[in-house]
């Protein structure tokens, strides 16, 4: 459930992914250990629940991956860690924008290089846009929807890029400046992208007839592009060093970083960022207590509240912080059973959300009732959550013709000439005990009204593939977004149902499409708020999601890490800012 990818990202931990309490949006939780001047060196060991989906940002749409490649790749513009305002990175300044909001001109900094020492120029920017615009790169669908209105990207000279839009987009500066810039010389050695124009990318039929576009897409769709550390190089402070599947991913500080010492938000203190995969959070907490890992972005709520004792383990610090995220149960409307709104409504009455917030979340969450983040002005607080009411669920099912005729405890109905039992399955990603607890509780409650729900646990990449191909009945997920105004097009527009788009549940509503489209081209905030509030009412009526909550993220870290700060900018923390006193170095000999 951010993203950009660009905007909205599906995350592994997100059911509880981010939290607020002691620290939020730029707040700081200073550590123990030595005090004094920041020091470069040693490793920061960070917990990962599972392998990332990939290393290439154009074809990867999960939050775990984003946390990694945000350290490797750079953008024209970035969000300030404290204020969330845009500031130039690869660009010299924010763009010059035409009065009609259709032309954006960026000046690229001179002297920028990729980690292999090759210069980054306007041609690499054009190349990156040709990647994201290629409709045959199937895993790029989630990111591509934010660039549908890009008509042309032109390198006027080596350091000037002009981007032309077919229509205005109120978030254009954010997304145009927010595309990760990739190296053309590494990812397109045959110059295949020179063989097609931006005009040709606007039509799927035209794309399919282009030999260059097809050949390049076949290459970019390959597992090699997603996984090979040698192909995935950027211009940022770190570079991919090694990926041991199921064990770890290592990022090495780039010795040739063009901006070393000049970026206040990315000082790149650790020599290495070592992401250790432990797909069981109980084991990860043990590893934290044993000093095997330094940082857990999410500790299960029960363990955070009741088991993580900072008195018994004074070298561990607990912190809470919040980003824009909501969690949900998604109901696949392509399933003949779930195509019936009455069934979706009845099932929503079977979720005891208040009990789950108390028991599973230990109160570290606030209920949400719509797909707009609850800290946005667009959020419609008038929408009430579906109350937990098993009797009402039974009434709705009976009215819709679902009855237990054979006495087996499962209701059934004649659908298209066949007697179909109301039997479904729910997908969760393995190792996420919070989602498992929600699924088991939901299954138990549904059984009381005659619905059978089996819980299926899948490894993260398999889980994602099932979601994108819509091979599920119900799933538990979450969406995380950057701190920007709402544009839920990626998840809710009907055009995003097929071709591995993010509208996993298959929601299609003509009026909702109109509102989402109008929202994108409207620059008056009050009008966008009105559009989004009407949109939320439509979603609440259709019930494609059973909305859960906006979680507070309980994180923990070893106090050998200094300068640990939190932000609304994803993923909520930045390990390049952490430093380790030399007396606490563990993986590198102090010089």
Protein backbone atom coordinates (compact mmCIF):
# COMPACT_ATOMS: atom_id res chain seq x y z
CA UNK A 1 0.00 0.00 0.00
CA UNK A 2 4.81 4.76 -1.04
CA UNK A 3 5.14 4.66 -3.47
CA UNK A 4 6.17 6.61 -6.74
CA UNK A 5 6.90 3.86 -6.89
CA UNK A 6 7.25 6.98 -7.41
CA UNK A 7 4.42 7.67 -5.19
CA UNK A 8 3.00 4.56 -3.70
CA UNK A 9 4.92 1.52 -2.59
CA UNK A 10 3.74 -1.82 -1.32
CA UNK A 11 5.74 -2.85 1.70
CA UNK A 12 6.58 -6.08 3.46
CA UNK A 13 6.30 -4.85 7.00
CA UNK A 14 3.54 -2.44 6.29
CA UNK A 15 0.78 -3.53 8.32
CA UNK A 16 2.79 -1.92 10.89
CA UNK A 17 5.38 -0.07 9.12
CA UNK A 18 5.74 3.35 10.61
CA UNK A 19 5.01 5.09 13.82
CA UNK A 20 4.92 8.22 15.80
CA UNK A 21 5.51 8.97 19.39
CA UNK A 22 8.76 10.24 20.72
CA UNK A 23 10.15 11.14 17.29
CA UNK A 24 8.56 12.24 14.06
CA UNK A 25 9.17 14.36 11.00
CA UNK A 26 12.73 15.42 11.60
CA UNK A 27 12.72 14.59 15.30
CA UNK A 28 15.89 13.17 16.74
CA UNK A 29 16.61 10.32 19.09
CA UNK A 30 20.24 10.70 20.08
CA UNK A 31 22.15 7.67 21.14
CA UNK A 32 24.40 6.68 23.94
CA UNK A 33 28.03 5.68 23.49
CA UNK A 34 30.81 8.14 22.82
CA UNK A 35 30.05 11.74 22.15
CA UNK A 36 32.07 14.04 19.99
CA UNK A 37 32.66 14.70 16.34
CA UNK A 38 31.09 12.48 13.69
CA UNK A 39 33.46 9.82 12.38
CA UNK A 40 33.52 7.99 9.06
CA UNK A 41 33.90 4.23 9.16
CA UNK A 42 32.61 0.81 10.27
CA UNK A 43 29.33 -0.84 9.24
CA UNK A 44 25.71 -0.25 10.17
CA UNK A 45 23.82 -3.56 10.24
CA UNK A 46 20.14 -3.13 9.37
CA UNK A 47 17.38 -5.73 9.63
CA UNK A 48 15.40 -6.76 6.55
CA UNK A 49 12.40 -9.09 6.87
CA UNK A 50 12.93 -10.56 3.40
CA UNK A 51 14.95 -10.12 0.23
CA UNK A 52 14.01 -7.03 -1.72
CA UNK A 53 12.13 -7.54 -4.96
CA UNK A 54 15.04 -6.08 -6.90
CA UNK A 55 17.74 -3.43 -7.13
CA UNK A 56 16.52 -1.48 -10.16
CA UNK A 57 14.04 1.30 -9.31
CA UNK A 58 12.35 1.30 -12.72
CA UNK A 59 11.01 -2.24 -12.31
CA UNK A 60 10.76 -2.63 -8.54
CA UNK A 61 7.80 -1.50 -6.47
CA UNK A 62 8.30 -2.54 -2.86
CA UNK A 63 9.34 -0.36 0.05
CA UNK A 64 12.21 -2.63 1.10
CA UNK A 65 13.90 -2.15 -2.26
CA UNK A 66 13.29 1.58 -2.17
CA UNK A 67 15.07 1.88 1.17
CA UNK A 68 18.12 0.34 -0.49
CA UNK A 69 18.31 2.07 -3.83
CA UNK A 70 17.57 5.50 -2.36
CA UNK A 71 21.19 5.29 -1.18
CA UNK A 72 22.54 4.28 -4.59
CA UNK A 73 20.63 6.35 -7.15
CA UNK A 74 19.90 10.06 -7.24
CA UNK A 75 17.19 12.31 -8.64
CA UNK A 76 17.06 15.78 -10.13
CA UNK A 77 15.15 16.93 -7.04
CA UNK A 78 14.73 15.45 -3.58
CA UNK A 79 12.67 16.19 -0.48
CA UNK A 80 14.36 17.91 2.43
CA UNK A 81 14.68 15.45 5.33
CA UNK A 82 13.23 17.98 7.80
CA UNK A 83 10.94 20.32 5.87
CA UNK A 84 9.92 17.89 3.05
CA UNK A 85 10.35 20.79 0.59
CA UNK A 86 11.92 20.02 -2.78
CA UNK A 87 15.57 20.92 -3.27
CA UNK A 88 17.94 20.34 -6.24
CA UNK A 89 20.32 17.37 -6.27
CA UNK A 90 21.38 16.46 -9.81
CA UNK A 91 19.74 19.65 -11.06
CA UNK A 92 21.35 23.00 -10.40
CA UNK A 93 18.01 24.51 -9.38
CA UNK A 94 14.35 23.68 -9.37
CA UNK A 95 13.00 23.74 -12.95
CA UNK A 96 11.77 26.65 -14.98
CA UNK A 97 8.05 26.00 -15.54
CA UNK A 98 5.98 27.49 -18.35
CA UNK A 99 2.82 29.44 -17.49
CA UNK A 100 0.62 26.67 -18.89
CA UNK A 101 2.37 24.01 -16.76
CA UNK A 102 3.30 22.01 -19.86
CA UNK A 103 7.05 22.64 -20.17
CA UNK A 104 9.70 22.01 -17.49
CA UNK A 105 13.33 22.92 -18.11
CA UNK A 106 16.04 21.43 -15.89
CA UNK A 107 19.70 22.44 -15.81
CA UNK A 108 21.92 19.47 -14.90
CA UNK A 109 24.90 19.99 -12.59
CA UNK A 110 28.29 19.74 -14.23
CA UNK A 111 30.81 17.33 -12.75
CA UNK A 112 28.30 14.67 -11.68
CA UNK A 113 29.51 11.11 -12.23
CA UNK A 114 28.19 7.61 -11.71
CA UNK A 115 30.02 5.33 -9.29
CA UNK A 116 32.10 3.94 -12.18
CA UNK A 117 33.47 7.43 -12.85
CA UNK A 118 31.49 8.02 -16.08
CA UNK A 119 29.82 11.44 -16.35
CA UNK A 120 26.06 11.85 -15.83
CA UNK A 121 24.60 14.11 -18.49
CA UNK A 122 21.29 15.15 -20.00
CA UNK A 123 21.44 12.04 -22.19
CA UNK A 124 21.13 9.84 -19.10
CA UNK A 125 18.04 11.79 -18.06
CA UNK A 126 16.49 11.25 -21.51
CA UNK A 127 17.42 7.56 -21.32
CA UNK A 128 15.80 7.17 -17.89
CA UNK A 129 12.57 8.63 -19.22
CA UNK A 130 12.66 6.31 -22.23
CA UNK A 131 12.89 3.39 -19.80
CA UNK A 132 9.94 4.46 -17.69
CA UNK A 133 7.83 5.32 -20.75
CA UNK A 134 8.36 1.99 -22.53
CA UNK A 135 4.98 0.21 -22.12
CA UNK A 136 6.53 -3.18 -22.87
CA UNK A 137 8.54 -3.10 -19.63
CA UNK A 138 5.83 -4.89 -17.68
CA UNK A 139 7.17 -4.46 -14.16
CA UNK A 140 7.41 -0.71 -14.72
CA UNK A 141 3.61 -0.25 -14.72
CA UNK A 142 3.36 1.04 -11.14
CA UNK A 143 5.91 3.79 -11.80
CA UNK A 144 4.86 4.54 -15.37
CA UNK A 145 1.38 5.80 -14.50
CA UNK A 146 2.90 9.00 -13.07
CA UNK A 147 4.52 9.77 -16.41
CA UNK A 148 1.58 9.12 -18.75
CA UNK A 149 1.37 12.80 -19.67
CA UNK A 150 5.06 13.12 -20.58
CA UNK A 151 5.04 13.75 -24.33
CA UNK A 152 8.73 14.41 -24.94
CA UNK A 153 12.06 14.69 -23.14
CA UNK A 154 14.79 16.48 -25.05
CA UNK A 155 18.46 17.10 -24.30
CA UNK A 156 18.96 20.63 -25.62
CA UNK A 157 22.63 20.30 -24.81
CA UNK A 158 24.74 18.15 -22.52
CA UNK A 159 23.37 19.83 -19.39
CA UNK A 160 19.86 21.04 -20.32
CA UNK A 161 16.74 18.88 -20.36
CA UNK A 162 13.32 20.07 -21.54
CA UNK A 163 10.29 17.97 -20.62
CA UNK A 164 7.00 18.56 -22.42
CA UNK A 165 3.62 17.40 -21.09
CA UNK A 166 0.42 16.62 -22.98
CA UNK A 167 -1.60 18.06 -20.10
CA UNK A 168 -0.87 19.73 -16.77
CA UNK A 169 -0.30 17.61 -13.67
CA UNK A 170 -0.38 19.28 -10.28
CA UNK A 171 2.43 17.04 -8.98
CA UNK A 172 4.52 17.27 -12.15
CA UNK A 173 7.51 19.02 -10.59
CA UNK A 174 7.69 16.42 -7.83
CA UNK A 175 7.52 13.43 -10.19
CA UNK A 176 9.53 14.86 -13.07
CA UNK A 177 12.26 15.77 -10.62
CA UNK A 178 11.78 12.55 -8.68
CA UNK A 179 12.75 9.98 -11.29
CA UNK A 180 15.92 8.05 -10.44
CA UNK A 181 18.52 8.72 -13.13
CA UNK A 182 20.07 5.58 -14.61
CA UNK A 183 23.32 5.14 -16.59
CA UNK A 184 22.67 4.72 -20.31
CA UNK A 185 26.17 3.37 -20.95
CA UNK A 186 25.57 0.45 -18.57
CA UNK A 187 21.92 -0.41 -19.26
CA UNK A 188 21.75 0.30 -22.98
CA UNK A 189 25.15 -0.54 -24.48
CA UNK A 190 23.52 -1.18 -27.88
CA UNK A 191 21.78 2.23 -27.83
CA UNK A 192 18.42 0.57 -28.42
CA UNK A 193 16.51 3.44 -26.82
CA UNK A 194 17.86 5.72 -29.55
CA UNK A 195 15.80 3.60 -31.93
CA UNK A 196 12.42 4.81 -30.68
CA UNK A 197 10.82 8.15 -29.92
CA UNK A 198 8.70 9.30 -27.01
CA UNK A 199 5.75 9.59 -29.38
CA UNK A 200 6.03 5.86 -30.08
CA UNK A 201 5.84 5.04 -26.36
CA UNK A 202 2.38 6.62 -26.11
CA UNK A 203 0.71 3.71 -27.92
CA UNK A 204 0.96 0.06 -26.92
CA UNK A 205 0.24 -1.05 -30.48
CA UNK A 206 3.01 1.17 -31.84
CA UNK A 207 5.38 -0.09 -29.16
CA UNK A 208 4.68 -3.70 -30.09
CA UNK A 209 5.62 -2.97 -33.71
CA UNK A 210 8.93 -1.33 -32.76
CA UNK A 211 11.86 -3.74 -32.95
CA UNK A 212 14.05 -1.46 -30.81
CA UNK A 213 11.43 -1.04 -28.11
CA UNK A 214 10.71 -4.77 -27.97
CA UNK A 215 14.36 -5.78 -27.82
CA UNK A 216 15.13 -3.24 -25.12
CA UNK A 217 12.07 -4.23 -23.07
CA UNK A 218 12.96 -7.91 -23.27
CA UNK A 219 16.38 -7.05 -21.87
CA UNK A 220 15.05 -4.75 -19.17
CA UNK A 221 12.41 -7.30 -18.11
CA UNK A 222 15.12 -9.87 -17.42
CA UNK A 223 15.97 -11.03 -13.87
CA UNK A 224 19.55 -9.92 -14.53
CA UNK A 225 18.54 -6.25 -14.65
CA UNK A 226 16.69 -6.57 -11.36
CA UNK A 227 19.40 -8.44 -9.50
CA UNK A 228 22.90 -7.91 -10.89
CA UNK A 229 24.88 -5.49 -8.70
CA UNK A 230 27.20 -4.74 -11.63
CA UNK A 231 24.33 -3.46 -13.76
CA UNK A 232 22.70 -1.42 -11.03
CA UNK A 233 24.97 1.52 -10.50
CA UNK A 234 23.99 5.06 -9.64
CA UNK A 235 25.49 8.43 -8.83
CA UNK A 236 24.69 8.33 -5.11
CA UNK A 237 26.80 8.01 -1.95
CA UNK A 238 26.71 4.20 -1.92
CA UNK A 239 26.93 1.43 -4.47
CA UNK A 240 25.67 -2.15 -4.42
CA UNK A 241 28.45 -4.48 -3.33
CA UNK A 242 26.92 -7.95 -2.91
CA UNK A 243 23.55 -9.70 -2.74
CA UNK A 244 23.48 -13.07 -1.02
CA UNK A 245 19.96 -14.33 -1.62
CA UNK A 246 18.10 -14.96 1.60
CA UNK A 247 21.02 -13.68 3.68
CA UNK A 248 22.10 -10.10 3.05
CA UNK A 249 22.64 -7.16 0.75
CA UNK A 250 25.73 -5.00 1.21
CA UNK A 251 26.12 -1.38 0.14
CA UNK A 252 29.65 0.04 0.00
CA UNK A 253 30.38 3.75 0.29
CA UNK A 254 31.26 5.01 -3.18
CA UNK A 255 34.90 6.16 -3.32
CA UNK A 256 34.10 8.31 -6.36
CA UNK A 257 30.95 10.04 -5.15
CA UNK A 258 30.84 13.39 -6.89
CA UNK A 259 29.11 15.15 -3.98
CA UNK A 260 31.12 13.80 -1.04
CA UNK A 261 31.19 16.21 1.87
CA UNK A 262 28.65 18.61 0.35
CA UNK A 263 25.27 16.91 0.95
CA UNK A 264 24.09 17.68 4.48
CA UNK A 265 21.40 14.97 4.38
CA UNK A 266 23.72 12.27 3.03
CA UNK A 267 27.06 12.55 4.79
CA UNK A 268 27.69 8.81 4.16
CA UNK A 269 29.42 8.12 7.47
CA UNK A 270 29.29 4.28 7.55
CA UNK A 271 31.78 2.48 5.30
CA UNK A 272 29.14 -0.14 4.60
CA UNK A 273 25.40 -0.49 5.03
CA UNK A 274 24.80 -4.19 5.65
CA UNK A 275 21.16 -5.26 5.29
CA UNK A 276 20.77 -8.60 7.07
CA UNK A 277 17.77 -10.74 6.10
CA UNK A 278 16.05 -12.40 9.07
CA UNK A 279 12.58 -13.51 8.01
CA UNK A 280 11.34 -14.04 11.55
CA UNK A 281 10.99 -10.96 13.70
CA UNK A 282 11.29 -12.85 16.97
CA UNK A 283 14.68 -14.04 15.81
CA UNK A 284 15.51 -10.50 14.69
CA UNK A 285 14.76 -9.14 18.16
CA UNK A 286 17.11 -11.75 19.61
CA UNK A 287 19.75 -10.65 17.08
CA UNK A 288 19.24 -7.04 18.16
CA UNK A 289 19.70 -7.98 21.81
CA UNK A 290 22.81 -9.99 20.92
CA UNK A 291 24.33 -7.09 19.00
CA UNK A 292 24.16 -8.95 15.66
CA UNK A 293 22.09 -6.16 14.10
CA UNK A 294 22.08 -2.45 14.88
CA UNK A 295 18.68 -1.29 13.63
CA UNK A 296 15.14 -2.67 13.29
CA UNK A 297 12.71 -0.33 11.58
CA UNK A 298 9.81 -2.39 12.94
CA UNK A 299 9.63 -4.42 16.12
CA UNK A 300 6.35 -6.35 16.61
CA UNK A 301 4.12 -4.25 18.84
CA UNK A 302 3.87 -6.83 21.63
CA UNK A 303 7.64 -7.28 21.75
CA UNK A 304 8.21 -3.53 21.55
CA UNK A 305 5.87 -2.81 24.46
CA UNK A 306 6.37 -5.86 26.66
CA UNK A 307 9.64 -7.60 25.83
CA UNK A 308 12.16 -5.00 24.69
CA UNK A 309 13.48 -3.83 28.03
CA UNK A 310 15.93 -0.95 27.72
CA UNK A 311 16.81 -1.27 31.40
CA UNK A 312 17.94 -4.87 31.00
CA UNK A 313 19.56 -4.01 27.67
CA UNK A 314 20.73 -0.39 28.10
CA UNK A 315 22.57 -0.45 24.78
CA UNK A 316 19.20 -0.60 22.97
CA UNK A 317 17.13 2.50 22.33
CA UNK A 318 13.44 2.38 21.36
CA UNK A 319 11.89 5.03 19.12
CA UNK A 320 8.60 5.61 17.36
CA UNK A 321 7.93 7.58 14.19
CA UNK A 322 5.29 8.08 11.54
CA UNK A 323 5.08 8.29 7.78
CA UNK A 324 2.10 8.31 5.41
CA UNK A 325 0.89 4.72 5.43
CA UNK A 326 -2.32 2.78 5.74
CA UNK A 327 -2.96 -0.94 5.93
CA UNK A 328 -5.91 -2.85 4.53
CA UNK A 329 -7.50 -6.13 3.49
CA UNK A 330 -7.95 -6.17 -0.29
CA UNK A 331 -10.93 -8.05 -1.76
CA UNK A 332 -10.41 -9.23 -5.35
CA UNK A 333 -13.52 -8.07 -7.17
CA UNK A 334 -12.62 -10.32 -10.09
CA UNK A 335 -13.54 -13.31 -7.95
CA UNK A 336 -17.22 -14.23 -8.72
CA UNK A 337 -18.00 -14.42 -5.00
CA UNK A 338 -16.35 -11.13 -4.10
CA UNK A 339 -17.84 -9.39 -7.14
CA UNK A 340 -21.01 -9.17 -5.01
CA UNK A 341 -20.90 -5.97 -2.94
CA UNK A 342 -23.18 -7.60 -0.36
CA UNK A 343 -20.52 -10.24 0.36
CA UNK A 344 -17.84 -7.58 0.70
CA UNK A 345 -20.03 -5.58 3.09
CA UNK A 346 -20.87 -8.65 5.15
CA UNK A 347 -17.21 -9.59 5.47
CA UNK A 348 -16.32 -6.08 6.60
CA UNK A 349 -18.74 -6.50 9.52
CA UNK A 350 -16.74 -9.56 10.62
CA UNK A 351 -13.49 -7.72 11.26
CA UNK A 352 -13.12 -6.64 14.89
CA UNK A 353 -10.73 -3.79 14.18
CA UNK A 354 -10.87 -2.26 17.65
CA UNK A 355 -9.90 -5.57 19.22
CA UNK A 356 -7.04 -6.03 16.75
CA UNK A 357 -5.68 -2.55 17.46
CA UNK A 358 -5.67 -3.37 21.17
CA UNK A 359 -4.47 -6.97 21.00
CA UNK A 360 -2.20 -7.13 17.97
CA UNK A 361 -1.09 -3.50 17.69
CA UNK A 362 -0.99 -2.80 21.42
CA UNK A 363 -2.69 0.48 20.69
CA UNK A 364 0.08 1.68 18.37
CA UNK A 365 -2.26 2.54 15.49
CA UNK A 366 -5.19 4.76 14.61
CA UNK A 367 -8.15 3.47 12.59
CA UNK A 368 -8.57 4.74 9.01
CA UNK A 369 -11.64 4.47 6.82
CA UNK A 370 -10.51 5.55 3.38
CA UNK A 371 -7.59 5.35 0.92
CA UNK A 372 -6.43 8.90 1.76
CA UNK A 373 -3.86 9.28 4.49
CA UNK A 374 -5.46 10.51 7.68
CA UNK A 375 -3.01 13.38 8.16
CA UNK A 376 -3.88 14.93 4.79
CA UNK A 377 -6.48 17.74 4.43
CA UNK A 378 -8.15 15.63 1.72
CA UNK A 379 -9.01 12.91 4.27
CA UNK A 380 -12.77 12.65 4.81
CA UNK A 381 -13.21 12.18 8.54
CA UNK A 382 -17.00 11.95 8.13
CA UNK A 383 -16.70 8.42 6.74
CA UNK A 384 -17.41 5.99 9.53
CA UNK A 385 -15.77 2.61 9.78
CA UNK A 386 -17.80 -0.54 9.29
CA UNK A 387 -18.78 -1.69 12.76
CA UNK A 388 -18.03 -5.18 13.99
CA UNK A 389 -21.46 -6.88 13.91
CA UNK A 390 -21.77 -10.60 13.16
CA UNK A 391 -25.57 -10.49 13.24
CA UNK A 392 -25.58 -7.79 10.58
CA UNK A 393 -23.16 -9.87 8.51
CA UNK A 394 -25.51 -12.86 8.73
CA UNK A 395 -28.49 -10.70 7.74
CA UNK A 396 -26.69 -9.30 4.68
CA UNK A 397 -25.59 -12.76 3.54
CA UNK A 398 -29.08 -14.20 3.95
CA UNK A 399 -30.61 -11.28 2.03
CA UNK A 400 -28.11 -11.93 -0.77
CA UNK A 401 -29.17 -15.58 -0.99
CA UNK A 402 -26.33 -17.24 0.90
CA UNK A 403 -27.62 -20.16 3.02
CA UNK A 404 -26.17 -23.25 4.68
CA UNK A 405 -28.39 -25.83 2.98
CA UNK A 406 -26.36 -28.95 3.79
CA UNK A 407 -25.59 -28.20 7.42
CA UNK A 408 -21.79 -28.18 7.04
CA UNK A 409 -21.45 -24.74 8.60
CA UNK A 410 -20.54 -23.02 5.30
CA UNK A 411 -23.11 -20.95 3.44
CA UNK A 412 -23.51 -21.49 -0.28
CA UNK A 413 -25.36 -20.06 -3.25
CA UNK A 414 -26.26 -20.92 -6.83
CA UNK A 415 -23.91 -18.93 -9.05
CA UNK A 416 -24.28 -19.40 -12.81
CA UNK A 417 -25.97 -22.76 -12.37
CA UNK A 418 -23.55 -24.15 -9.78
CA UNK A 419 -23.83 -24.39 -6.01
CA UNK A 420 -20.77 -22.53 -4.71
CA UNK A 421 -19.73 -22.57 -1.04
CA UNK A 422 -18.51 -19.27 0.39
CA UNK A 423 -14.96 -20.51 0.73
CA UNK A 424 -11.98 -18.23 0.13
CA UNK A 425 -8.29 -17.82 0.98
CA UNK A 426 -6.27 -14.90 2.30
CA UNK A 427 -2.63 -14.21 1.38
CA UNK A 428 -0.01 -12.92 3.80
CA UNK A 429 3.73 -12.58 3.33
CA UNK A 430 5.63 -15.20 5.33
CA UNK A 431 7.41 -13.97 8.42
CA UNK A 432 4.99 -11.11 9.06
CA UNK A 433 3.43 -12.32 12.30
CA UNK A 434 1.21 -9.26 12.56
CA UNK A 435 -0.50 -10.01 9.27
CA UNK A 436 -0.74 -13.66 10.20
CA UNK A 437 -2.48 -12.73 13.46
CA UNK A 438 -4.94 -10.51 11.59
CA UNK A 439 -5.66 -13.24 9.05
CA UNK A 440 -6.22 -15.91 11.69
CA UNK A 441 -8.53 -13.66 13.72
CA UNK A 442 -10.50 -12.68 10.61
CA UNK A 443 -10.82 -16.34 9.61
CA UNK A 444 -12.17 -17.24 13.05
CA UNK A 445 -14.79 -14.48 12.92
CA UNK A 446 -15.88 -15.35 9.37
CA UNK A 447 -16.41 -18.98 10.39
CA UNK A 448 -19.07 -17.75 12.85
CA UNK A 449 -21.20 -16.45 9.96
CA UNK A 450 -20.64 -19.42 7.66
CA UNK A 451 -17.63 -18.25 5.62
CA UNK A 452 -14.54 -20.41 5.29
CA UNK A 453 -11.24 -18.54 4.96
CA UNK A 454 -7.92 -20.37 4.59
CA UNK A 455 -4.69 -18.54 5.44
CA UNK A 456 -1.88 -18.86 2.87
CA UNK A 457 1.65 -17.67 3.65
CA UNK A 458 3.94 -16.86 0.71
CA UNK A 459 7.53 -15.63 0.39
CA UNK A 460 7.58 -11.89 -0.37
CA UNK A 461 8.46 -12.00 -4.07
CA UNK A 462 5.89 -14.76 -4.68
CA UNK A 463 3.32 -12.79 -2.69
CA UNK A 464 3.97 -9.73 -4.88
CA UNK A 465 3.67 -11.73 -8.09
CA UNK A 466 0.32 -13.17 -6.96
CA UNK A 467 -0.90 -9.66 -6.20
CA UNK A 468 0.16 -8.24 -9.54
CA UNK A 469 -1.30 -11.11 -11.51
CA UNK A 470 -4.45 -10.95 -9.33
CA UNK A 471 -4.14 -14.57 -8.27
CA UNK A 472 -5.70 -14.15 -4.85
CA UNK A 473 -9.06 -13.86 -3.13
CA UNK A 474 -8.13 -11.61 -0.22
CA UNK A 475 -4.77 -10.17 0.74
CA UNK A 476 -3.35 -8.07 3.54
CA UNK A 477 -1.19 -5.17 2.49
CA UNK A 478 -0.28 -1.57 3.05
CA UNK A 479 0.57 1.46 0.96
CA UNK A 480 3.22 3.97 1.91
CA UNK A 481 3.56 7.35 0.25
CA UNK A 482 5.81 10.36 0.27
CA UNK A 483 4.56 13.42 2.22
CA UNK A 484 2.81 15.02 -0.75
CA UNK A 485 -0.80 15.83 -1.71
CA UNK A 486 -2.98 12.87 -2.65
CA UNK A 487 -2.95 11.26 -6.07
CA UNK A 488 -4.43 7.76 -5.66
CA UNK A 489 -4.59 7.12 -9.43
CA UNK A 490 -1.95 4.37 -9.28
CA UNK A 491 -4.06 2.17 -7.01
CA UNK A 492 -7.64 3.05 -7.93
CA UNK A 493 -7.96 4.06 -11.60
CA UNK A 494 -9.47 1.33 -13.79
CA UNK A 495 -6.56 1.64 -16.25
CA UNK A 496 -4.30 0.21 -13.53
CA UNK A 497 -6.13 -3.14 -13.26
CA UNK A 498 -4.25 -5.00 -15.99
CA UNK A 499 -0.63 -5.26 -17.13
CA UNK A 500 0.65 -5.64 -13.54
CA UNK A 501 -0.78 -2.32 -12.41
CA UNK A 502 -1.35 -1.61 -8.72
CA UNK A 503 -5.16 -1.78 -8.79
CA UNK A 504 -4.89 -5.33 -7.49
CA UNK A 505 -8.51 -5.64 -6.37
CA UNK A 506 -9.89 -4.70 -9.78
CA UNK A 507 -11.86 -1.64 -8.65
CA UNK A 508 -13.66 -0.05 -11.61
CA UNK A 509 -15.96 2.93 -11.25
CA UNK A 510 -16.59 5.48 -13.99
CA UNK A 511 -17.15 8.39 -11.63
CA UNK A 512 -14.09 7.48 -9.57
CA UNK A 513 -12.02 7.50 -12.77
CA UNK A 514 -13.33 10.97 -13.61
CA UNK A 515 -12.47 12.30 -10.15
CA UNK A 516 -8.97 10.82 -10.26
CA UNK A 517 -8.35 12.33 -13.67
CA UNK A 518 -9.69 15.76 -12.67
CA UNK A 519 -7.59 15.67 -9.51
CA UNK A 520 -4.40 15.29 -11.54
CA UNK A 521 -4.91 18.42 -13.62
CA UNK A 522 -6.32 20.67 -10.89
CA UNK A 523 -4.00 23.24 -9.27
CA UNK A 524 -6.59 24.68 -6.85
CA UNK A 525 -6.27 22.78 -3.58
CA UNK A 526 -9.88 23.24 -2.44
CA UNK A 527 -11.18 21.73 -5.69
CA UNK A 528 -8.85 18.73 -5.30
CA UNK A 529 -10.07 18.27 -1.74
CA UNK A 530 -13.65 18.18 -3.00
CA UNK A 531 -12.76 15.63 -5.70
CA UNK A 532 -10.93 13.43 -3.22
CA UNK A 533 -13.72 13.51 -0.67
CA UNK A 534 -16.28 12.42 -3.25
CA UNK A 535 -13.87 9.70 -4.37
CA UNK A 536 -13.53 8.43 -0.79
CA UNK A 537 -17.31 8.18 -0.47
CA UNK A 538 -17.43 6.01 -3.62
CA UNK A 539 -14.75 3.69 -2.28
CA UNK A 540 -16.51 3.43 1.08
CA UNK A 541 -19.74 2.45 -0.67
CA UNK A 542 -18.12 -0.18 -2.89
CA UNK A 543 -15.99 -1.73 -0.10
CA UNK A 544 -13.12 -3.08 -2.26
CA UNK A 545 -10.85 -2.74 0.77
CA UNK A 546 -11.52 -3.36 4.43
CA UNK A 547 -9.46 -0.53 5.84
CA UNK A 548 -7.44 -1.22 8.96
CA UNK A 549 -5.28 1.54 10.39
CA UNK A 550 -2.42 3.94 10.11
CA UNK A 551 0.23 2.33 12.26
CA UNK A 552 2.80 3.87 14.50
CA UNK A 553 6.18 2.37 13.76
CA UNK A 554 8.04 0.91 16.75
CA UNK A 555 11.69 0.87 15.85
CA UNK A 556 14.77 0.01 17.89
CA UNK A 557 18.51 0.39 17.50
CA UNK A 558 21.85 -0.17 19.17
CA UNK A 559 23.15 2.94 20.90
CA UNK A 560 26.49 2.59 19.12
CA UNK A 561 24.65 4.38 16.29
CA UNK A 562 24.90 8.14 16.76
CA UNK A 563 22.72 10.81 15.14
CA UNK A 564 19.66 8.61 14.57
CA UNK A 565 16.89 10.87 13.27
CA UNK A 566 13.44 10.28 11.82
CA UNK A 567 11.44 11.98 9.09
CA UNK A 568 8.24 11.88 7.07
CA UNK A 569 10.48 11.37 4.03
CA UNK A 570 10.58 7.68 3.17
CA UNK A 571 11.57 5.30 4.59
CA UNK A 572 11.46 7.49 7.67
CA UNK A 573 15.18 7.29 8.50
CA UNK A 574 18.49 7.69 6.66
CA UNK A 575 21.41 5.44 7.64
CA UNK A 576 23.91 7.59 5.74
CA UNK A 577 23.51 10.07 8.62
CA UNK A 578 24.43 7.58 11.33
CA UNK A 579 27.97 7.47 12.66
CA UNK A 580 29.75 5.12 15.02
CA UNK A 581 32.38 6.18 17.57
CA UNK A 582 35.72 4.50 16.90
CA UNK A 583 35.66 2.87 20.34
CA UNK A 584 32.51 0.98 19.22
CA UNK A 585 33.69 -0.16 15.78
CA UNK A 586 33.09 -3.87 15.25
CA UNK A 587 33.66 -4.63 11.57
CA UNK A 588 36.55 -2.37 10.62
CA UNK A 589 39.80 -1.60 12.38
CA UNK A 590 39.96 1.98 13.58
CA UNK A 591 42.73 3.97 11.90
